[in-house]
Amino acid sequence: MKKIHQNTAGIDIGSRSIYVDIEGKEVASFETFTSDFRKAAVYLIEAGVTSVAMEATGSYWVILYDILTEAGLDVWLVDGRQTKQVPGRKTDVKDCQWINQLHAHGLLNRCFVAEGLMKELRSYQRLREDHIRSMSMHINHMQKALIEMNIRLPEVLSQVHGASGTVMIEAILQGERDPQKLLSLCHHSLIKKKGEKIVKALEGFYTEAGLFALKQAYEAYRFYKAQISDCDKKIQDTFNKQNMDLYEFPKGMKRKQIRHNKPDVSDLGKYLLKIFGGKDATKLSGFTDYTWFQVLTETGPDLSRWKTEKHFTSWLGLSPGQHQSGRKKKNKSKGRPKAGQIFRVIAQGLLNSKKIALGAFGRRLCGRKGPRVAIKAMARKLAEQYWRLMVKGSDFVEFGIKYYEEIMQKQKMKLIQRLAVELNMDIVPQEIEEKILNLHEE
C-alpha cells in the first residue's frame, strides 16, 4: 500500500506517560509533565518528523497538541474509534505503532480543533454549560426540600427560582412563616392571579432538617449563578479584546427572545453577524443568538471544511451509521458530539411548535417512529439548513405549517394517482360523484 504521508510519527497518550513511534526506531516513552512534553517535541524534530498523529484521549492531548504545534509540527488529532482495530493484543506500544502506520497510509481523518478566539470562547461556554447543569440540579434540590415540608410552591409557581420564588425562599430562611406576609413579597400580577393558591401552598409543615436542606440548596444555586455570571464577563471581555467594528442591525429588526439561561453579553448578535459576514442564523427556525453562539463555539466560523452538508451532519452524529456484514445490517452509533446535541435541543423545542413547518414534519414522523427518531431527523434538517446558509449563502424562508401541509397533500395525491393507474381505476372527485348519484336518483 502506497504511503501518503512521509516522515510521520504516532503517539499514544495516557495519564502518566506517552509512547512515541517513529518508523525505523524503537518506541520511546516520555512522562506527562510539561518538561517531558518539550523533550518529546525536540526528539521528534531531531528525528526529522514533520507530521504527527495522536488520539483525542480525554483532555490529556490538549497541552501536548499545543506544544507540538508551537514547535512547527503538523499535528493530526484523530478520533479513537478510527484506531481501535489494532491487530493482536492491545498495548500502549502497539497502539502508537498502529496509529503511525494508519497515518502514514492516509487512513485517518483529522479532528476539528478550535484555535485562537474560538478556543477561548469554547472554553468559557463549555464551563458555563457545566455550571448551568449544576445550578439546575440544585434547583431540583430546592424543590425537593420544599415538598418535604409540604410547601407546594413548585405546583403553583412556574419557576421556584424566579424573582418571586427566591424572595419568598429567602424570607423563609430568615424565619418568616406567615403566608400572608410571604405573599406580599410576590409580584403584584402573581398576587392578583394566584394569591389564594400561593397562601395555601405556603401553609407547610416546617422541619429543621427540611430548612437546612433548603438553605444548602439555595446557597449552592446562588453560587453557581454567580459562576455563570463570571463566565459571561469573560466572554464579554474576549469579544471586547477583538476590537471588532460591530455589525449594525437594519432599522426595525428585532432579535429573537432568549427564554432560558440568557448570557449577559451585550451586542452578542452584532458580534456574531460580524464574524459571519452578515449571515444571520437566527433566520432559521429555533435559532436565537445564544444557540447560534453555542454552535459557533463548537463548529467554528468556517464550515467549508466540511465538503457537503452530508459530511457536516455525519460529523455531528446526526446521520445513520452503516454496519453491514453479509445479510446482517446493524445501526452503528456515531456518538453524540456536543455540537450535534445543540441541534437536537433546538429540534426538541420545535416539536410542539404551532406555526413552523419543521415542527409539523417532526410530529408526523413522531407518530410513526417515536420522538427519538423524529428529533434526530429534525436536527439533521436544521444542520443542513445551517450549513447551506453559512457556506453557500442560501437564504431561508419559513413558509409555515400551511405550506408544508399543502406539499404533503400534493404528495398524497400523486400516490393515489399512481395507485389508480396500477389498478386500472379512475379517480372521481367527490363533487362529481355526488352529482352522478343525484342524477341516478332522479
Protein backbone atom coordinates (compact mmCIF):
# COMPACT_ATOMS: atom_id res chain seq x y z
CA MET A 1 0.00 0.00 0.00
CA LYS A 2 1.40 3.40 -1.01
CA LYS A 3 2.33 5.81 1.75
CA ILE A 4 0.56 9.15 1.63
CA HIS A 5 2.46 10.96 4.38
CA GLN A 6 6.24 10.83 4.80
CA ASN A 7 8.32 11.35 7.97
CA THR A 8 5.45 10.52 10.31
CA ALA A 9 5.11 9.56 13.95
CA GLY A 10 2.33 8.08 16.07
CA ILE A 11 1.70 8.96 19.72
CA ASP A 12 -0.36 7.06 22.26
CA ILE A 13 -1.34 9.30 25.19
CA GLY A 14 -2.02 8.14 28.74
CA SER A 15 -2.42 9.80 32.12
CA ARG A 16 1.15 9.02 33.25
CA SER A 17 3.18 8.56 30.07
CA ILE A 18 3.11 8.93 26.29
CA TYR A 19 4.55 6.49 23.75
CA VAL A 20 6.09 7.78 20.51
CA ASP A 21 6.70 5.61 17.44
CA ILE A 22 8.92 6.67 14.55
CA GLU A 23 9.48 4.24 11.69
CA GLY A 24 12.86 2.53 11.93
CA LYS A 25 13.30 3.40 15.62
CA GLU A 26 12.33 1.81 18.89
CA VAL A 27 9.26 3.18 20.62
CA ALA A 28 10.21 5.97 23.04
CA SER A 29 8.27 6.86 26.16
CA PHE A 30 8.01 10.18 27.99
CA GLU A 31 6.25 11.21 31.19
CA THR A 32 3.30 13.61 31.05
CA PHE A 33 4.98 16.59 32.73
CA THR A 34 5.39 19.76 30.65
CA SER A 35 9.19 19.45 30.54
CA ASP A 36 8.86 15.91 29.18
CA PHE A 37 6.42 17.06 26.51
CA ARG A 38 9.05 19.57 25.37
CA LYS A 39 11.66 16.78 25.28
CA ALA A 40 9.28 14.74 23.11
CA ALA A 41 8.93 17.68 20.69
CA VAL A 42 12.74 18.01 20.43
CA TYR A 43 13.05 14.22 19.93
CA LEU A 44 10.57 14.31 17.03
CA ILE A 45 12.23 17.29 15.33
CA GLU A 46 15.72 15.77 15.63
CA ALA A 47 14.40 12.56 14.04
CA GLY A 48 13.17 14.56 11.02
CA VAL A 49 9.48 14.04 11.73
CA THR A 50 7.14 16.55 10.07
CA SER A 51 3.69 15.05 10.74
CA VAL A 52 2.37 13.52 13.98
CA ALA A 53 -0.90 11.66 14.68
CA MET A 54 -2.38 11.09 18.14
CA GLU A 55 -5.71 10.10 19.63
CA ALA A 56 -8.08 12.60 21.25
CA THR A 57 -7.88 10.94 24.67
CA GLY A 58 -9.87 12.87 27.29
CA SER A 59 -8.16 16.19 27.91
CA TYR A 60 -4.63 14.72 28.09
CA TRP A 61 -3.89 15.70 24.49
CA VAL A 62 -4.53 19.46 24.82
CA ILE A 63 -1.17 20.71 26.11
CA LEU A 64 0.85 18.20 24.08
CA TYR A 65 -1.00 19.32 20.95
CA ASP A 66 -0.19 22.98 21.67
CA ILE A 67 3.50 22.25 22.37
CA LEU A 68 3.97 20.16 19.21
CA THR A 69 2.11 22.72 17.08
CA GLU A 70 4.23 25.53 18.53
CA ALA A 71 7.36 23.50 17.60
CA GLY A 72 6.28 23.60 13.95
CA LEU A 73 4.97 20.04 13.58
CA ASP A 74 1.83 19.16 11.61
CA VAL A 75 -0.26 17.53 14.34
CA TRP A 76 -3.23 15.32 13.44
CA LEU A 77 -5.71 14.80 16.24
CA VAL A 78 -7.82 11.74 15.38
CA ASP A 79 -10.90 10.03 16.76
CA GLY A 80 -10.01 6.98 18.87
CA ARG A 81 -12.72 4.95 17.10
CA GLN A 82 -10.67 5.10 13.89
CA THR A 83 -7.65 3.45 15.52
CA LYS A 84 -9.21 0.83 17.81
CA GLN A 85 -8.92 -2.10 15.38
CA VAL A 86 -5.29 -2.79 16.25
CA PRO A 87 -4.36 -6.40 15.36
CA GLY A 88 -3.21 -8.71 18.14
CA ARG A 89 -3.15 -7.89 21.82
CA LYS A 90 -3.64 -4.28 22.79
CA THR A 91 -0.73 -2.48 24.44
CA ASP A 92 0.38 1.16 24.52
CA VAL A 93 3.42 0.33 22.38
CA LYS A 94 1.34 -1.41 19.71
CA ASP A 95 -1.19 1.43 19.80
CA CYS A 96 1.34 4.11 18.87
CA GLN A 97 2.81 1.87 16.15
CA TRP A 98 -0.65 1.23 14.71
CA ILE A 99 -1.50 4.96 14.78
CA ASN A 100 1.73 5.76 12.94
CA GLN A 101 1.06 3.07 10.32
CA LEU A 102 -2.50 4.27 9.67
CA HIS A 103 -1.39 7.90 9.48
CA ALA A 104 1.45 7.15 7.05
CA HIS A 105 -1.00 5.46 4.66
CA GLY A 106 -3.57 8.27 4.90
CA LEU A 107 -6.24 6.21 6.64
CA LEU A 108 -7.02 8.70 9.42
CA ASN A 109 -9.23 11.78 9.39
CA ARG A 110 -8.19 14.91 11.22
CA CYS A 111 -10.47 16.16 14.01
CA PHE A 112 -11.61 19.78 14.18
CA VAL A 113 -9.57 21.66 16.80
CA ALA A 114 -10.65 25.15 17.78
CA GLU A 115 -7.87 27.75 17.81
CA GLY A 116 -7.41 31.34 18.89
CA LEU A 117 -10.65 33.19 19.59
CA MET A 118 -12.83 30.09 19.14
CA LYS A 119 -10.72 28.06 21.55
CA GLU A 120 -11.07 30.69 24.28
CA LEU A 121 -14.81 31.17 23.71
CA ARG A 122 -15.40 27.41 23.66
CA SER A 123 -13.62 27.02 26.99
CA TYR A 124 -15.81 29.66 28.68
CA GLN A 125 -19.01 28.41 27.02
CA ARG A 126 -18.46 24.76 28.00
CA LEU A 127 -17.66 25.82 31.56
CA ARG A 128 -20.85 27.91 31.54
CA GLU A 129 -22.91 24.91 30.42
CA ASP A 130 -21.40 22.80 33.22
CA HIS A 131 -22.44 25.46 35.75
CA ILE A 132 -25.97 25.58 34.29
CA ARG A 133 -26.31 21.81 34.76
CA SER A 134 -25.08 22.09 38.35
CA MET A 135 -27.43 25.01 39.02
CA SER A 136 -30.37 23.01 37.62
CA MET A 137 -29.53 20.15 39.94
CA HIS A 138 -29.68 22.45 42.98
CA ILE A 139 -32.98 23.94 41.77
CA ASN A 140 -34.35 20.39 41.93
CA HIS A 141 -32.91 20.09 45.44
CA MET A 142 -34.73 23.30 46.44
CA GLN A 143 -38.00 21.90 45.10
CA LYS A 144 -37.44 18.61 46.91
CA ALA A 145 -36.76 20.39 50.23
CA LEU A 146 -39.96 22.46 49.85
CA ILE A 147 -42.07 19.40 49.02
CA GLU A 148 -40.68 17.51 52.02
CA MET A 149 -42.07 20.31 54.20
CA ASN A 150 -45.31 20.26 52.13
CA ILE A 151 -44.69 23.80 50.88
CA ARG A 152 -46.30 23.39 47.45
CA LEU A 153 -44.69 26.31 45.63
CA PRO A 154 -43.44 24.10 42.73
CA GLU A 155 -47.10 23.28 41.91
CA VAL A 156 -48.18 26.94 41.98
CA LEU A 157 -45.21 28.84 40.53
CA SER A 158 -43.86 28.10 37.07
CA GLN A 159 -40.33 28.70 38.39
CA VAL A 160 -39.36 28.35 42.04
CA HIS A 161 -36.09 30.15 41.23
CA GLY A 162 -37.90 33.11 39.67
CA ALA A 163 -37.95 36.60 41.24
CA SER A 164 -40.98 35.99 43.49
CA GLY A 165 -39.90 32.46 44.39
CA THR A 166 -36.39 33.41 45.52
CA VAL A 167 -37.69 36.35 47.59
CA MET A 168 -40.07 34.04 49.46
CA ILE A 169 -37.38 31.37 49.98
CA GLU A 170 -35.01 33.99 51.42
CA ALA A 171 -37.75 35.18 53.80
CA ILE A 172 -38.47 31.58 54.90
CA LEU A 173 -34.78 31.00 55.61
CA GLN A 174 -34.72 34.22 57.66
CA GLY A 175 -37.55 32.90 59.84
CA GLU A 176 -40.74 34.25 58.25
CA ARG A 177 -43.65 31.78 58.46
CA ASP A 178 -46.77 33.91 57.90
CA PRO A 179 -48.24 33.02 54.44
CA GLN A 180 -49.81 36.48 54.03
CA LYS A 181 -46.52 38.28 54.67
CA LEU A 182 -44.73 35.92 52.29
CA LEU A 183 -47.40 36.54 49.65
CA SER A 184 -46.93 40.31 49.96
CA LEU A 185 -43.32 39.84 48.72
CA CYS A 186 -44.53 38.46 45.36
CA HIS A 187 -45.04 40.42 42.17
CA HIS A 188 -48.43 42.14 42.01
CA SER A 189 -49.51 40.09 38.97
CA LEU A 190 -48.97 36.85 40.91
CA ILE A 191 -50.89 38.20 43.91
CA LYS A 192 -53.78 39.07 41.63
CA LYS A 193 -53.90 35.79 39.66
CA LYS A 194 -52.69 33.15 42.14
CA GLY A 195 -52.89 34.83 45.55
CA GLU A 196 -55.20 32.27 47.19
CA LYS A 197 -53.30 29.27 45.87
CA ILE A 198 -49.94 30.68 46.96
CA VAL A 199 -51.26 31.23 50.51
CA LYS A 200 -52.47 27.62 50.64
CA ALA A 201 -49.16 26.39 49.20
CA LEU A 202 -47.20 28.27 51.90
CA GLU A 203 -49.04 26.55 54.77
CA GLY A 204 -46.32 23.95 55.21
CA PHE A 205 -45.02 21.76 58.00
CA TYR A 206 -41.60 23.24 58.72
CA THR A 207 -38.82 20.96 59.99
CA GLU A 208 -35.23 21.70 60.97
CA ALA A 209 -33.88 19.11 58.52
CA GLY A 210 -36.04 20.48 55.70
CA LEU A 211 -34.94 24.08 56.32
CA PHE A 212 -31.30 23.00 56.41
CA ALA A 213 -31.67 21.17 53.09
CA LEU A 214 -33.41 24.21 51.58
CA LYS A 215 -30.63 26.52 52.80
CA GLN A 216 -27.90 24.28 51.38
CA ALA A 217 -29.64 24.01 48.00
CA TYR A 218 -30.38 27.75 47.80
CA GLU A 219 -26.80 28.74 48.64
CA ALA A 220 -25.44 26.29 46.06
CA TYR A 221 -27.89 27.68 43.48
CA ARG A 222 -26.71 31.24 44.14
CA PHE A 223 -23.07 30.13 43.97
CA TYR A 224 -23.46 28.60 40.51
CA LYS A 225 -25.48 31.57 39.36
CA ALA A 226 -22.53 33.78 40.30
CA GLN A 227 -20.16 31.41 38.46
CA ILE A 228 -22.29 31.71 35.32
CA SER A 229 -22.15 35.49 35.64
CA ASP A 230 -18.34 35.33 35.82
CA CYS A 231 -18.26 33.23 32.63
CA ASP A 232 -20.44 35.84 30.90
CA LYS A 233 -17.95 38.54 31.89
CA LYS A 234 -15.06 36.55 30.42
CA ILE A 235 -17.00 36.01 27.17
CA GLN A 236 -17.71 39.76 27.02
CA ASP A 237 -14.04 40.58 27.67
CA THR A 238 -12.93 38.14 24.96
CA PHE A 239 -15.18 39.80 22.39
CA ASN A 240 -14.09 43.28 23.51
CA LYS A 241 -10.41 42.38 23.04
CA GLN A 242 -11.01 41.72 19.33
CA ASN A 243 -11.79 45.40 18.65
CA MET A 244 -14.38 44.49 16.01
CA ASP A 245 -16.41 47.01 14.04
CA LEU A 246 -19.83 45.77 15.12
CA TYR A 247 -22.45 44.88 12.54
CA GLU A 248 -25.42 47.25 12.72
CA PHE A 249 -28.92 45.81 12.62
CA PRO A 250 -31.29 47.16 9.94
CA LYS A 251 -33.92 49.55 11.27
CA GLY A 252 -36.95 47.82 12.76
CA MET A 253 -35.15 44.48 13.03
CA LYS A 254 -35.88 42.63 16.27
CA ARG A 255 -33.80 39.75 17.60
CA LYS A 256 -35.49 36.57 18.78
CA GLN A 257 -36.12 36.38 22.51
CA ILE A 258 -33.77 34.15 24.54
CA ARG A 259 -36.07 32.47 27.05
CA HIS A 260 -33.69 30.44 29.22
CA ASN A 261 -30.13 30.95 30.51
CA LYS A 262 -29.64 34.17 28.56
CA PRO A 263 -25.97 35.22 28.66
CA ASP A 264 -25.27 38.69 29.99
CA VAL A 265 -23.22 39.66 26.92
CA SER A 266 -24.06 42.96 25.29
CA ASP A 267 -24.27 43.10 21.47
CA LEU A 268 -23.92 39.31 21.16
CA GLY A 269 -25.95 39.29 17.94
CA LYS A 270 -23.81 42.06 16.42
CA TYR A 271 -20.59 40.18 17.21
CA LEU A 272 -21.96 37.01 15.61
CA LEU A 273 -23.11 38.81 12.48
CA LYS A 274 -19.67 40.42 12.17
CA ILE A 275 -17.90 37.06 12.48
CA PHE A 276 -20.12 35.50 9.79
CA GLY A 277 -20.10 38.49 7.44
CA GLY A 278 -23.74 39.44 7.92
CA LYS A 279 -25.17 35.91 7.50
CA ASP A 280 -27.87 35.61 10.15
CA ALA A 281 -28.52 32.13 11.58
CA THR A 282 -31.49 33.41 13.61
CA LYS A 283 -33.50 33.29 10.36
CA LEU A 284 -33.53 29.53 10.86
CA SER A 285 -36.33 28.02 12.93
CA GLY A 286 -35.45 27.71 16.61
CA PHE A 287 -32.17 29.65 16.42
CA THR A 288 -31.56 32.52 18.83
CA ASP A 289 -28.34 34.47 19.34
CA TYR A 290 -27.48 32.17 22.25
CA THR A 291 -27.99 28.87 20.39
CA TRP A 292 -26.07 30.37 17.46
CA PHE A 293 -23.22 31.26 19.81
CA GLN A 294 -23.23 27.69 21.19
CA VAL A 295 -22.97 26.24 17.68
CA LEU A 296 -20.20 28.73 16.79
CA THR A 297 -18.02 27.69 19.74
CA GLU A 298 -18.32 24.00 18.74
CA THR A 299 -18.01 24.23 14.93
CA GLY A 300 -16.13 27.49 14.35
CA PRO A 301 -16.94 30.17 11.76
CA ASP A 302 -15.62 28.27 8.71
CA LEU A 303 -17.98 25.46 7.77
CA SER A 304 -16.40 24.96 4.34
CA ARG A 305 -14.01 22.42 5.92
CA TRP A 306 -16.94 20.01 5.52
CA LYS A 307 -17.35 19.41 1.78
CA THR A 308 -21.12 18.99 1.82
CA GLU A 309 -24.00 19.17 4.28
CA LYS A 310 -23.85 15.36 4.42
CA HIS A 311 -20.29 15.47 5.71
CA PHE A 312 -21.36 18.08 8.25
CA THR A 313 -24.36 16.10 9.56
CA SER A 314 -22.24 12.94 9.71
CA TRP A 315 -19.64 14.75 11.84
CA LEU A 316 -22.46 15.96 14.12
CA GLY A 317 -23.61 12.37 14.65
CA LEU A 318 -26.99 13.08 13.04
CA SER A 319 -26.73 10.71 10.07
CA PRO A 320 -27.45 6.96 10.21
CA GLY A 321 -24.40 4.74 10.54
CA GLN A 322 -23.74 1.81 8.20
CA HIS A 323 -22.66 -1.53 9.63
CA GLN A 324 -23.33 -4.39 7.19
CA SER A 325 -21.85 -7.86 7.19
CA GLY A 326 -23.43 -10.38 4.83
CA ARG A 327 -27.16 -10.25 5.42
CA LYS A 328 -26.83 -8.61 8.80
CA LYS A 329 -27.48 -4.87 8.98
CA LYS A 330 -26.92 -3.07 12.23
CA ASN A 331 -27.15 0.56 13.24
CA LYS A 332 -23.71 1.85 14.08
CA SER A 333 -23.71 4.70 16.56
CA LYS A 334 -21.57 7.72 15.66
CA GLY A 335 -21.59 9.02 19.21
CA ARG A 336 -23.17 12.23 20.42
CA PRO A 337 -20.85 15.19 19.77
CA LYS A 338 -21.62 18.35 21.72
CA ALA A 339 -22.43 20.29 18.53
CA GLY A 340 -24.94 17.64 17.46
CA GLN A 341 -26.60 17.80 20.88
CA ILE A 342 -27.20 21.54 20.42
CA PHE A 343 -29.13 20.86 17.20
CA ARG A 344 -31.10 18.11 18.98
CA VAL A 345 -32.10 20.52 21.77
CA ILE A 346 -33.28 23.10 19.23
CA ALA A 347 -35.25 20.42 17.38
CA GLN A 348 -36.89 19.22 20.59
CA GLY A 349 -38.11 22.75 21.24
CA LEU A 350 -39.66 22.90 17.76
CA LEU A 351 -41.51 19.58 18.09
CA ASN A 352 -44.60 21.24 19.61
CA SER A 353 -44.45 24.45 17.56
CA LYS A 354 -47.78 25.54 16.05
CA LYS A 355 -46.59 27.70 13.15
CA ILE A 356 -43.34 26.13 11.93
CA ALA A 357 -43.19 23.58 9.12
CA LEU A 358 -40.32 21.64 10.69
CA GLY A 359 -42.48 21.06 13.78
CA ALA A 360 -45.26 19.58 11.63
CA PHE A 361 -42.69 17.31 9.93
CA GLY A 362 -41.42 16.17 13.35
CA ARG A 363 -44.91 15.41 14.70
CA ARG A 364 -45.75 13.42 11.58
CA LEU A 365 -42.58 11.36 11.97
CA CYS A 366 -43.02 11.06 15.74
CA GLY A 367 -46.37 9.31 15.25
CA ARG A 368 -44.72 6.60 13.14
CA LYS A 369 -41.25 6.14 14.62
CA GLY A 370 -41.26 7.83 18.02
CA PRO A 371 -39.79 11.06 19.40
CA ARG A 372 -36.15 9.93 19.38
CA VAL A 373 -36.07 9.34 15.62
CA ALA A 374 -38.17 12.46 14.96
CA ILE A 375 -35.88 14.76 16.95
CA LYS A 376 -32.79 13.37 15.22
CA ALA A 377 -34.37 13.83 11.77
CA MET A 378 -35.40 17.40 12.63
CA ALA A 379 -31.91 18.16 13.96
CA ARG A 380 -30.41 16.83 10.74
CA LYS A 381 -32.62 19.11 8.62
CA LEU A 382 -31.68 22.10 10.80
CA ALA A 383 -27.97 21.29 10.47
CA GLU A 384 -28.28 21.06 6.67
CA GLN A 385 -30.03 24.43 6.56
CA TYR A 386 -27.33 25.95 8.79
CA TRP A 387 -24.51 24.63 6.57
CA ARG A 388 -26.18 25.85 3.38
CA LEU A 389 -26.77 29.29 4.91
CA MET A 390 -23.18 29.71 6.13
CA VAL A 391 -21.32 28.11 3.20
CA LYS A 392 -23.46 28.83 0.15
CA GLY A 393 -25.31 31.85 1.47
CA SER A 394 -28.66 30.18 0.69
CA ASP A 395 -31.48 32.28 2.10
CA PHE A 396 -34.01 30.58 4.36
CA VAL A 397 -37.69 31.43 4.46
CA GLU A 398 -40.14 29.91 6.93
CA PHE A 399 -43.32 29.24 4.93
CA GLY A 400 -45.21 27.83 7.90
CA ILE A 401 -47.30 24.75 8.55
CA LYS A 402 -49.90 25.57 5.88
CA TYR A 403 -47.27 25.40 3.12
CA TYR A 404 -45.93 22.10 4.49
CA GLU A 405 -49.45 20.60 4.65
CA GLU A 406 -50.07 21.64 1.02
CA ILE A 407 -46.90 19.82 -0.05
CA MET A 408 -47.99 16.72 1.90
CA GLN A 409 -51.40 16.90 0.21
CA LYS A 410 -49.80 17.03 -3.25
CA GLN A 411 -47.59 14.05 -2.41
CA LYS A 412 -50.62 12.04 -1.26
CA MET A 413 -52.46 12.97 -4.45
CA LYS A 414 -49.54 11.76 -6.59
CA LEU A 415 -49.52 8.47 -4.66
CA ILE A 416 -53.27 7.99 -5.21
CA GLN A 417 -52.92 8.72 -8.94
CA ARG A 418 -50.08 6.24 -9.27
CA LEU A 419 -52.07 3.53 -7.47
CA ALA A 420 -55.10 4.26 -9.67
CA VAL A 421 -53.02 3.69 -12.82
CA GLU A 422 -51.60 0.43 -11.42
CA LEU A 423 -55.08 -0.86 -10.52
CA ASN A 424 -56.67 0.38 -13.77
CA MET A 425 -59.11 2.63 -11.92
CA ASP A 426 -60.30 6.23 -12.32
CA ILE A 427 -60.22 8.95 -9.68
CA VAL A 428 -63.53 10.81 -9.44
CA PRO A 429 -63.74 13.99 -7.27
CA GLN A 430 -66.37 13.82 -4.53
CA GLU A 431 -68.45 16.69 -6.00
CA ILE A 432 -68.80 14.92 -9.39
CA GLU A 433 -69.63 11.66 -7.65
CA GLU A 434 -72.47 13.35 -5.72
CA LYS A 435 -73.89 14.85 -8.95
CA ILE A 436 -73.88 11.41 -10.61
CA LEU A 437 -75.68 9.87 -7.65
CA ASN A 438 -78.31 12.63 -7.72
CA LEU A 439 -78.93 12.04 -11.43
CA HIS A 440 -79.48 8.31 -10.84
CA GLU A 441 -81.97 9.04 -8.02
CA GLU A 442 -83.97 11.37 -10.30
